[in-house]
Amino acid sequence: MRLMNMSNMIYRILLDMLEAEGIAEIQRNELAEQLGCVPSQINYVLSSRFTPEHGYIVESRRGGKGYIKITRVEATDNEIIMHLINSIGDEIDEGSARSHINNLVHNYIISKQYGDLLLAAVNENAYKGIPKNLRHNARAGVFKQLLLSMVDLKGGV
């Protein structure tokens, strides 16, 4: 229960910053220290509630003076899909891919039918013949190609 309350508190703080200034810029470790939580709780809120599918862009800079910047954007479906493709990187696990797909369906960016096809394509069973250390990489490649085909179907970016 505490995790949910802390998540809601983090979300509210970031949302208030966005509403007041149009942008939220934080240092994750400092915010975690102020709230008395672990930095991973902030990561959880960022990855689950401030996604491109929800109309947010999250940028981060690592290092001693690193920061996280959140901006609200109005984007087309194709722009959201392209941002997702660019954010996936070289690897993705099944759970993360499923979350992205569910967000896309929930926000009406892709149809439930296309979402179901994507879910089948990222399912762990589809990668049984691939060595475990290569599955996340293979899944990312397949997932990005299928998302790209969706952009093509929607008329390009």
N, C-alpha and C. Protein backbone atom coordinates (compact mmCIF):
# COMPACT_ATOMS: atom_id res chain seq x y z
N MET A 1 0.82 -1.19 0.00
CA MET A 1 0.00 0.00 0.00
C MET A 1 0.87 1.26 0.00
N ARG A 2 1.98 1.24 0.76
CA ARG A 2 2.85 2.41 0.82
C ARG A 2 3.41 2.75 -0.56
N LEU A 3 3.77 1.73 -1.34
CA LEU A 3 4.30 1.96 -2.68
C LEU A 3 3.28 2.72 -3.52
N MET A 4 2.01 2.31 -3.46
CA MET A 4 0.98 2.98 -4.24
C MET A 4 0.82 4.42 -3.78
N ASN A 5 0.78 4.66 -2.47
CA ASN A 5 0.67 6.02 -1.96
C ASN A 5 1.87 6.86 -2.37
N MET A 6 3.07 6.29 -2.28
CA MET A 6 4.28 7.01 -2.68
C MET A 6 4.25 7.29 -4.18
N SER A 7 3.81 6.33 -4.97
CA SER A 7 3.71 6.53 -6.41
C SER A 7 2.75 7.66 -6.73
N ASN A 8 1.62 7.69 -6.05
CA ASN A 8 0.65 8.76 -6.27
C ASN A 8 1.24 10.11 -5.87
N MET A 9 2.00 10.14 -4.78
CA MET A 9 2.61 11.38 -4.32
C MET A 9 3.64 11.89 -5.34
N ILE A 10 4.47 11.00 -5.82
CA ILE A 10 5.48 11.36 -6.82
C ILE A 10 4.78 11.88 -8.08
N TYR A 11 3.77 11.15 -8.52
CA TYR A 11 3.01 11.55 -9.71
C TYR A 11 2.42 12.95 -9.52
N ARG A 12 1.81 13.20 -8.38
CA ARG A 12 1.17 14.49 -8.10
C ARG A 12 2.20 15.62 -8.09
N ILE A 13 3.36 15.40 -7.48
CA ILE A 13 4.41 16.41 -7.44
C ILE A 13 4.86 16.76 -8.86
N LEU A 14 5.12 15.75 -9.66
CA LEU A 14 5.58 15.99 -11.03
C LEU A 14 4.49 16.64 -11.87
N LEU A 15 3.26 16.20 -11.70
CA LEU A 15 2.14 16.79 -12.43
C LEU A 15 1.95 18.26 -12.05
N ASP A 16 2.06 18.58 -10.76
CA ASP A 16 1.96 19.96 -10.31
C ASP A 16 3.05 20.83 -10.93
N MET A 17 4.28 20.30 -11.00
CA MET A 17 5.38 21.03 -11.63
C MET A 17 5.07 21.30 -13.10
N LEU A 18 4.54 20.29 -13.78
CA LEU A 18 4.20 20.43 -15.20
C LEU A 18 3.11 21.47 -15.40
N GLU A 19 2.10 21.45 -14.55
CA GLU A 19 1.00 22.40 -14.69
C GLU A 19 1.45 23.83 -14.39
N ALA A 20 2.34 23.98 -13.42
CA ALA A 20 2.79 25.31 -13.03
C ALA A 20 3.78 25.91 -14.03
N GLU A 21 4.69 25.08 -14.53
CA GLU A 21 5.78 25.59 -15.36
C GLU A 21 5.78 25.08 -16.79
N GLY A 22 4.94 24.10 -17.09
CA GLY A 22 4.92 23.51 -18.42
C GLY A 22 6.01 22.50 -18.65
N ILE A 23 6.88 22.35 -17.68
CA ILE A 23 8.00 21.42 -17.76
C ILE A 23 8.35 21.02 -16.33
N ALA A 24 8.80 19.81 -16.14
CA ALA A 24 9.26 19.36 -14.83
C ALA A 24 10.69 18.88 -15.00
N GLU A 25 11.59 19.48 -14.26
CA GLU A 25 12.98 19.07 -14.31
C GLU A 25 13.41 18.72 -12.89
N ILE A 26 13.86 17.51 -12.70
CA ILE A 26 14.21 17.04 -11.36
C ILE A 26 15.54 16.32 -11.38
N GLN A 27 16.12 16.21 -10.21
CA GLN A 27 17.23 15.29 -10.01
C GLN A 27 16.64 14.15 -9.21
N ARG A 28 16.64 12.98 -9.81
CA ARG A 28 15.96 11.82 -9.25
C ARG A 28 16.40 11.51 -7.82
N ASN A 29 17.69 11.48 -7.58
CA ASN A 29 18.18 11.13 -6.24
C ASN A 29 17.78 12.17 -5.21
N GLU A 30 17.80 13.45 -5.59
CA GLU A 30 17.38 14.50 -4.66
C GLU A 30 15.91 14.37 -4.31
N LEU A 31 15.06 14.14 -5.31
CA LEU A 31 13.63 13.98 -5.05
C LEU A 31 13.37 12.75 -4.18
N ALA A 32 14.07 11.68 -4.46
CA ALA A 32 13.91 10.46 -3.66
C ALA A 32 14.30 10.73 -2.21
N GLU A 33 15.38 11.47 -2.01
CA GLU A 33 15.82 11.80 -0.65
C GLU A 33 14.79 12.68 0.06
N GLN A 34 14.25 13.67 -0.65
CA GLN A 34 13.25 14.55 -0.06
C GLN A 34 12.00 13.77 0.36
N LEU A 35 11.61 12.81 -0.45
CA LEU A 35 10.38 12.06 -0.19
C LEU A 35 10.60 10.84 0.70
N GLY A 36 11.86 10.49 0.93
CA GLY A 36 12.15 9.32 1.74
C GLY A 36 11.81 8.02 1.05
N CYS A 37 12.08 7.98 -0.25
CA CYS A 37 11.81 6.75 -1.01
C CYS A 37 13.07 6.36 -1.77
N VAL A 38 13.01 5.24 -2.43
CA VAL A 38 14.14 4.81 -3.25
C VAL A 38 13.97 5.37 -4.66
N PRO A 39 15.08 5.68 -5.34
CA PRO A 39 15.00 6.24 -6.69
C PRO A 39 14.20 5.37 -7.66
N SER A 40 14.18 4.06 -7.45
CA SER A 40 13.44 3.19 -8.36
C SER A 40 11.94 3.47 -8.33
N GLN A 41 11.43 4.01 -7.21
CA GLN A 41 10.01 4.37 -7.17
C GLN A 41 9.73 5.53 -8.12
N ILE A 42 10.67 6.44 -8.23
CA ILE A 42 10.52 7.55 -9.18
C ILE A 42 10.59 7.00 -10.60
N ASN A 43 11.52 6.08 -10.84
CA ASN A 43 11.60 5.45 -12.16
C ASN A 43 10.28 4.77 -12.52
N TYR A 44 9.68 4.09 -11.56
CA TYR A 44 8.41 3.41 -11.80
C TYR A 44 7.33 4.40 -12.24
N VAL A 45 7.23 5.52 -11.55
CA VAL A 45 6.23 6.53 -11.90
C VAL A 45 6.51 7.09 -13.29
N LEU A 46 7.76 7.37 -13.57
CA LEU A 46 8.12 7.91 -14.89
C LEU A 46 7.78 6.92 -16.00
N SER A 47 8.12 5.65 -15.79
CA SER A 47 7.91 4.66 -16.86
C SER A 47 6.47 4.21 -17.01
N SER A 48 5.64 4.42 -15.97
CA SER A 48 4.26 3.97 -16.08
C SER A 48 3.26 5.09 -16.32
N ARG A 49 3.57 6.30 -15.90
CA ARG A 49 2.59 7.38 -16.00
C ARG A 49 3.01 8.54 -16.90
N PHE A 50 4.29 8.66 -17.18
CA PHE A 50 4.77 9.75 -18.02
C PHE A 50 5.38 9.18 -19.30
N THR A 51 4.55 8.47 -20.04
CA THR A 51 5.00 7.80 -21.26
C THR A 51 4.59 8.62 -22.49
N PRO A 52 5.22 8.37 -23.63
CA PRO A 52 4.79 9.04 -24.86
C PRO A 52 3.32 8.77 -25.16
N GLU A 53 2.87 7.55 -24.82
CA GLU A 53 1.48 7.20 -25.08
C GLU A 53 0.52 8.05 -24.25
N HIS A 54 0.99 8.55 -23.13
CA HIS A 54 0.19 9.43 -22.28
C HIS A 54 0.43 10.90 -22.59
N GLY A 55 1.25 11.18 -23.61
CA GLY A 55 1.49 12.56 -24.04
C GLY A 55 2.67 13.24 -23.38
N TYR A 56 3.64 12.46 -22.91
CA TYR A 56 4.81 13.04 -22.24
C TYR A 56 6.09 12.56 -22.91
N ILE A 57 7.08 13.41 -22.88
CA ILE A 57 8.42 13.04 -23.30
C ILE A 57 9.30 13.16 -22.07
N VAL A 58 10.05 12.11 -21.77
CA VAL A 58 10.96 12.11 -20.63
C VAL A 58 12.37 12.01 -21.19
N GLU A 59 13.20 12.99 -20.83
CA GLU A 59 14.60 13.00 -21.24
C GLU A 59 15.44 12.91 -19.98
N SER A 60 16.58 12.25 -20.08
CA SER A 60 17.45 12.18 -18.92
C SER A 60 18.90 12.39 -19.33
N ARG A 61 19.63 12.97 -18.39
CA ARG A 61 21.07 13.14 -18.57
C ARG A 61 21.71 12.51 -17.35
N ARG A 62 22.62 11.61 -17.58
CA ARG A 62 23.26 10.89 -16.48
C ARG A 62 24.49 11.66 -16.01
N GLY A 63 25.01 11.23 -14.90
CA GLY A 63 26.22 11.83 -14.37
C GLY A 63 25.94 12.59 -13.08
N GLY A 64 26.98 13.22 -12.55
CA GLY A 64 26.88 13.92 -11.28
C GLY A 64 25.82 15.00 -11.24
N LYS A 65 25.67 15.73 -12.30
CA LYS A 65 24.66 16.79 -12.38
C LYS A 65 23.51 16.37 -13.28
N GLY A 66 23.28 15.07 -13.36
CA GLY A 66 22.23 14.54 -14.21
C GLY A 66 20.85 15.00 -13.77
N TYR A 67 19.94 14.98 -14.70
CA TYR A 67 18.59 15.41 -14.40
C TYR A 67 17.61 14.60 -15.25
N ILE A 68 16.35 14.72 -14.89
CA ILE A 68 15.26 14.16 -15.68
C ILE A 68 14.34 15.31 -16.02
N LYS A 69 14.01 15.43 -17.29
CA LYS A 69 13.13 16.50 -17.75
C LYS A 69 11.89 15.88 -18.38
N ILE A 70 10.73 16.34 -17.93
CA ILE A 70 9.45 15.84 -18.45
C ILE A 70 8.73 17.00 -19.12
N THR A 71 8.28 16.77 -20.34
CA THR A 71 7.49 17.78 -21.04
C THR A 71 6.22 17.14 -21.58
N ARG A 72 5.17 17.91 -21.61
CA ARG A 72 3.89 17.46 -22.17
C ARG A 72 3.89 17.85 -23.63
N VAL A 73 3.52 16.92 -24.48
CA VAL A 73 3.52 17.19 -25.91
C VAL A 73 2.21 16.74 -26.54
N GLU A 74 1.84 17.43 -27.56
CA GLU A 74 0.74 16.98 -28.41
C GLU A 74 1.42 16.34 -29.62
N ALA A 75 1.20 15.09 -29.80
CA ALA A 75 1.87 14.38 -30.88
C ALA A 75 0.88 13.53 -31.65
N THR A 76 1.21 13.31 -32.91
CA THR A 76 0.39 12.43 -33.72
C THR A 76 0.67 10.98 -33.31
N ASP A 77 -0.20 10.08 -33.71
CA ASP A 77 0.02 8.66 -33.42
C ASP A 77 1.36 8.20 -33.98
N ASN A 78 1.69 8.62 -35.19
CA ASN A 78 2.96 8.21 -35.79
C ASN A 78 4.15 8.74 -35.00
N GLU A 79 4.06 9.97 -34.52
CA GLU A 79 5.16 10.54 -33.73
C GLU A 79 5.33 9.77 -32.42
N ILE A 80 4.22 9.39 -31.82
CA ILE A 80 4.29 8.61 -30.58
C ILE A 80 4.93 7.25 -30.84
N ILE A 81 4.53 6.60 -31.91
CA ILE A 81 5.10 5.30 -32.25
C ILE A 81 6.59 5.44 -32.56
N MET A 82 6.97 6.47 -33.30
CA MET A 82 8.38 6.67 -33.62
C MET A 82 9.20 6.95 -32.36
N HIS A 83 8.65 7.73 -31.45
CA HIS A 83 9.36 7.98 -30.19
C HIS A 83 9.53 6.67 -29.42
N LEU A 84 8.51 5.84 -29.40
CA LEU A 84 8.60 4.55 -28.72
C LEU A 84 9.69 3.70 -29.37
N ILE A 85 9.71 3.63 -30.68
CA ILE A 85 10.74 2.86 -31.40
C ILE A 85 12.12 3.34 -30.99
N ASN A 86 12.31 4.66 -30.96
CA ASN A 86 13.62 5.22 -30.61
C ASN A 86 13.98 4.99 -29.15
N SER A 87 12.98 4.84 -28.29
CA SER A 87 13.27 4.66 -26.87
C SER A 87 13.54 3.20 -26.49
N ILE A 88 13.21 2.27 -27.36
CA ILE A 88 13.36 0.84 -27.03
C ILE A 88 14.82 0.44 -26.90
N GLY A 89 15.66 0.94 -27.75
CA GLY A 89 17.06 0.54 -27.68
C GLY A 89 17.28 -0.82 -28.32
N ASP A 90 18.35 -1.49 -27.90
CA ASP A 90 18.73 -2.76 -28.50
C ASP A 90 18.08 -3.97 -27.86
N GLU A 91 17.50 -3.79 -26.67
CA GLU A 91 16.92 -4.92 -25.95
C GLU A 91 15.62 -4.51 -25.29
N ILE A 92 14.70 -5.48 -25.16
CA ILE A 92 13.48 -5.25 -24.38
C ILE A 92 12.99 -6.60 -23.87
N ASP A 93 12.56 -6.62 -22.61
CA ASP A 93 12.02 -7.85 -22.05
C ASP A 93 10.53 -7.92 -22.36
N GLU A 94 9.96 -9.10 -22.18
CA GLU A 94 8.56 -9.31 -22.53
C GLU A 94 7.63 -8.39 -21.74
N GLY A 95 7.87 -8.24 -20.45
CA GLY A 95 7.00 -7.40 -19.61
C GLY A 95 6.98 -5.95 -20.05
N SER A 96 8.13 -5.40 -20.37
CA SER A 96 8.20 -4.02 -20.84
C SER A 96 7.49 -3.85 -22.18
N ALA A 97 7.70 -4.79 -23.08
CA ALA A 97 7.04 -4.74 -24.38
C ALA A 97 5.53 -4.80 -24.20
N ARG A 98 5.07 -5.69 -23.33
CA ARG A 98 3.62 -5.82 -23.07
C ARG A 98 3.06 -4.51 -22.52
N SER A 99 3.78 -3.86 -21.63
CA SER A 99 3.33 -2.59 -21.07
C SER A 99 3.19 -1.53 -22.16
N HIS A 100 4.19 -1.44 -23.03
CA HIS A 100 4.11 -0.48 -24.14
C HIS A 100 2.90 -0.77 -25.03
N ILE A 101 2.71 -2.03 -25.36
CA ILE A 101 1.59 -2.41 -26.23
C ILE A 101 0.25 -2.08 -25.56
N ASN A 102 0.12 -2.43 -24.29
CA ASN A 102 -1.11 -2.12 -23.58
C ASN A 102 -1.38 -0.62 -23.52
N ASN A 103 -0.34 0.19 -23.33
CA ASN A 103 -0.50 1.64 -23.35
C ASN A 103 -0.97 2.13 -24.72
N LEU A 104 -0.39 1.57 -25.78
CA LEU A 104 -0.79 1.97 -27.13
C LEU A 104 -2.26 1.65 -27.39
N VAL A 105 -2.70 0.48 -26.96
CA VAL A 105 -4.10 0.08 -27.15
C VAL A 105 -5.01 0.94 -26.28
N HIS A 106 -4.63 1.10 -25.02
CA HIS A 106 -5.44 1.87 -24.06
C HIS A 106 -5.66 3.31 -24.52
N ASN A 107 -4.65 3.87 -25.18
CA ASN A 107 -4.74 5.26 -25.64
C ASN A 107 -5.19 5.37 -27.10
N TYR A 108 -5.71 4.27 -27.65
CA TYR A 108 -6.29 4.24 -29.00
C TYR A 108 -5.30 4.63 -30.10
N ILE A 109 -4.03 4.33 -29.88
CA ILE A 109 -3.02 4.61 -30.89
C ILE A 109 -2.95 3.45 -31.87
N ILE A 110 -3.19 2.24 -31.36
CA ILE A 110 -3.31 1.07 -32.22
C ILE A 110 -4.58 0.33 -31.82
N SER A 111 -5.08 -0.48 -32.73
CA SER A 111 -6.30 -1.24 -32.45
C SER A 111 -6.00 -2.41 -31.51
N LYS A 112 -7.01 -2.91 -30.88
CA LYS A 112 -6.85 -4.08 -30.01
C LYS A 112 -6.35 -5.27 -30.83
N GLN A 113 -6.84 -5.41 -32.05
CA GLN A 113 -6.41 -6.52 -32.90
C GLN A 113 -4.92 -6.44 -33.20
N TYR A 114 -4.44 -5.25 -33.54
CA TYR A 114 -3.00 -5.10 -33.81
C TYR A 114 -2.22 -5.30 -32.52
N GLY A 115 -2.77 -4.82 -31.41
CA GLY A 115 -2.13 -5.04 -30.11
C GLY A 115 -1.98 -6.51 -29.80
N ASP A 116 -3.03 -7.29 -30.10
CA ASP A 116 -2.96 -8.74 -29.87
C ASP A 116 -1.88 -9.39 -30.72
N LEU A 117 -1.73 -8.93 -31.96
CA LEU A 117 -0.67 -9.46 -32.83
C LEU A 117 0.71 -9.11 -32.26
N LEU A 118 0.86 -7.88 -31.79
CA LEU A 118 2.14 -7.48 -31.19
C LEU A 118 2.43 -8.30 -29.94
N LEU A 119 1.41 -8.53 -29.12
CA LEU A 119 1.60 -9.33 -27.91
C LEU A 119 2.08 -10.74 -28.26
N ALA A 120 1.52 -11.31 -29.31
CA ALA A 120 1.96 -12.64 -29.73
C ALA A 120 3.42 -12.61 -30.21
N ALA A 121 3.79 -11.53 -30.87
CA ALA A 121 5.14 -11.42 -31.42
C ALA A 121 6.21 -11.20 -30.34
N VAL A 122 5.83 -10.61 -29.21
CA VAL A 122 6.82 -10.36 -28.15
C VAL A 122 6.77 -11.43 -27.05
N ASN A 123 5.84 -12.37 -27.17
CA ASN A 123 5.66 -13.42 -26.17
C ASN A 123 6.92 -14.28 -26.08
N GLU A 124 7.29 -14.63 -24.88
CA GLU A 124 8.50 -15.43 -24.64
C GLU A 124 8.49 -16.73 -25.43
N ASN A 125 7.32 -17.33 -25.64
CA ASN A 125 7.23 -18.59 -26.39
C ASN A 125 7.73 -18.45 -27.82
N ALA A 126 7.64 -17.25 -28.38
CA ALA A 126 8.10 -17.04 -29.76
C ALA A 126 9.62 -17.09 -29.87
N TYR A 127 10.32 -17.05 -28.74
CA TYR A 127 11.78 -16.96 -28.75
C TYR A 127 12.45 -18.18 -28.12
N LYS A 128 11.70 -19.27 -27.97
CA LYS A 128 12.23 -20.47 -27.33
C LYS A 128 13.46 -21.03 -28.03
N GLY A 129 13.51 -20.93 -29.33
CA GLY A 129 14.63 -21.48 -30.09
C GLY A 129 15.86 -20.59 -30.10
N ILE A 130 15.78 -19.46 -29.46
CA ILE A 130 16.88 -18.50 -29.43
C ILE A 130 17.55 -18.58 -28.05
N PRO A 131 18.88 -18.58 -28.01
CA PRO A 131 19.55 -18.62 -26.70
C PRO A 131 19.05 -17.49 -25.79
N LYS A 132 18.91 -17.79 -24.50
CA LYS A 132 18.33 -16.84 -23.55
C LYS A 132 19.04 -15.48 -23.56
N ASN A 133 20.36 -15.49 -23.73
CA ASN A 133 21.09 -14.23 -23.69
C ASN A 133 20.85 -13.36 -24.93
N LEU A 134 20.16 -13.87 -25.93
CA LEU A 134 19.88 -13.10 -27.15
C LEU A 134 18.40 -12.77 -27.33
N ARG A 135 17.55 -13.29 -26.48
CA ARG A 135 16.10 -13.13 -26.66
C ARG A 135 15.65 -11.67 -26.57
N HIS A 136 16.14 -10.93 -25.59
CA HIS A 136 15.71 -9.54 -25.44
C HIS A 136 16.10 -8.71 -26.67
N ASN A 137 17.26 -9.04 -27.23
CA ASN A 137 17.73 -8.33 -28.42
C ASN A 137 16.85 -8.68 -29.62
N ALA A 138 16.55 -9.95 -29.79
CA ALA A 138 15.70 -10.38 -30.91
C ALA A 138 14.30 -9.78 -30.77
N ARG A 139 13.77 -9.79 -29.55
CA ARG A 139 12.42 -9.24 -29.31
C ARG A 139 12.39 -7.75 -29.66
N ALA A 140 13.42 -7.02 -29.29
CA ALA A 140 13.46 -5.58 -29.59
C ALA A 140 13.45 -5.35 -31.10
N GLY A 141 14.22 -6.14 -31.83
CA GLY A 141 14.25 -5.98 -33.28
C GLY A 141 12.90 -6.27 -33.92
N VAL A 142 12.27 -7.35 -33.50
CA VAL A 142 10.95 -7.72 -34.05
C VAL A 142 9.92 -6.66 -33.68
N PHE A 143 9.92 -6.25 -32.42
CA PHE A 143 8.95 -5.27 -31.93
C PHE A 143 9.08 -3.95 -32.70
N LYS A 144 10.31 -3.49 -32.88
CA LYS A 144 10.52 -2.22 -33.60
C LYS A 144 10.09 -2.33 -35.06
N GLN A 145 10.38 -3.47 -35.69
CA GLN A 145 9.97 -3.65 -37.10
C GLN A 145 8.45 -3.64 -37.23
N LEU A 146 7.77 -4.30 -36.31
CA LEU A 146 6.31 -4.32 -36.36
C LEU A 146 5.73 -2.93 -36.10
N LEU A 147 6.33 -2.19 -35.18
CA LEU A 147 5.87 -0.81 -34.94
C LEU A 147 6.11 0.05 -36.18
N LEU A 148 7.26 -0.14 -36.82
CA LEU A 148 7.54 0.60 -38.07
C LEU A 148 6.51 0.28 -39.14
N SER A 149 6.10 -0.98 -39.22
CA SER A 149 5.08 -1.33 -40.22
C SER A 149 3.78 -0.62 -39.91
N MET A 150 3.49 -0.37 -38.64
CA MET A 150 2.29 0.37 -38.25
C MET A 150 2.38 1.81 -38.72
N VAL A 151 3.57 2.42 -38.60
CA VAL A 151 3.76 3.78 -39.07
C VAL A 151 3.52 3.83 -40.57
N ASP A 152 4.05 2.85 -41.30
CA ASP A 152 3.85 2.79 -42.75
C ASP A 152 2.36 2.67 -43.09
N LEU A 153 1.64 1.84 -42.32
CA LEU A 153 0.21 1.67 -42.56
C LEU A 153 -0.59 2.96 -42.31
N LYS A 154 -0.10 3.76 -41.37
CA LYS A 154 -0.79 5.00 -41.04
C LYS A 154 -0.40 6.14 -41.99
N GLY A 155 0.44 5.85 -42.95
CA GLY A 155 0.76 6.88 -43.94
C GLY A 155 2.09 7.56 -43.72
N GLY A 156 2.94 6.98 -42.94
CA GLY A 156 4.27 7.55 -42.73
C GLY A 156 4.28 8.63 -41.68
N VAL A 157 5.48 9.01 -41.29
CA VAL A 157 5.63 10.03 -40.23
C VAL A 157 5.71 11.40 -40.84
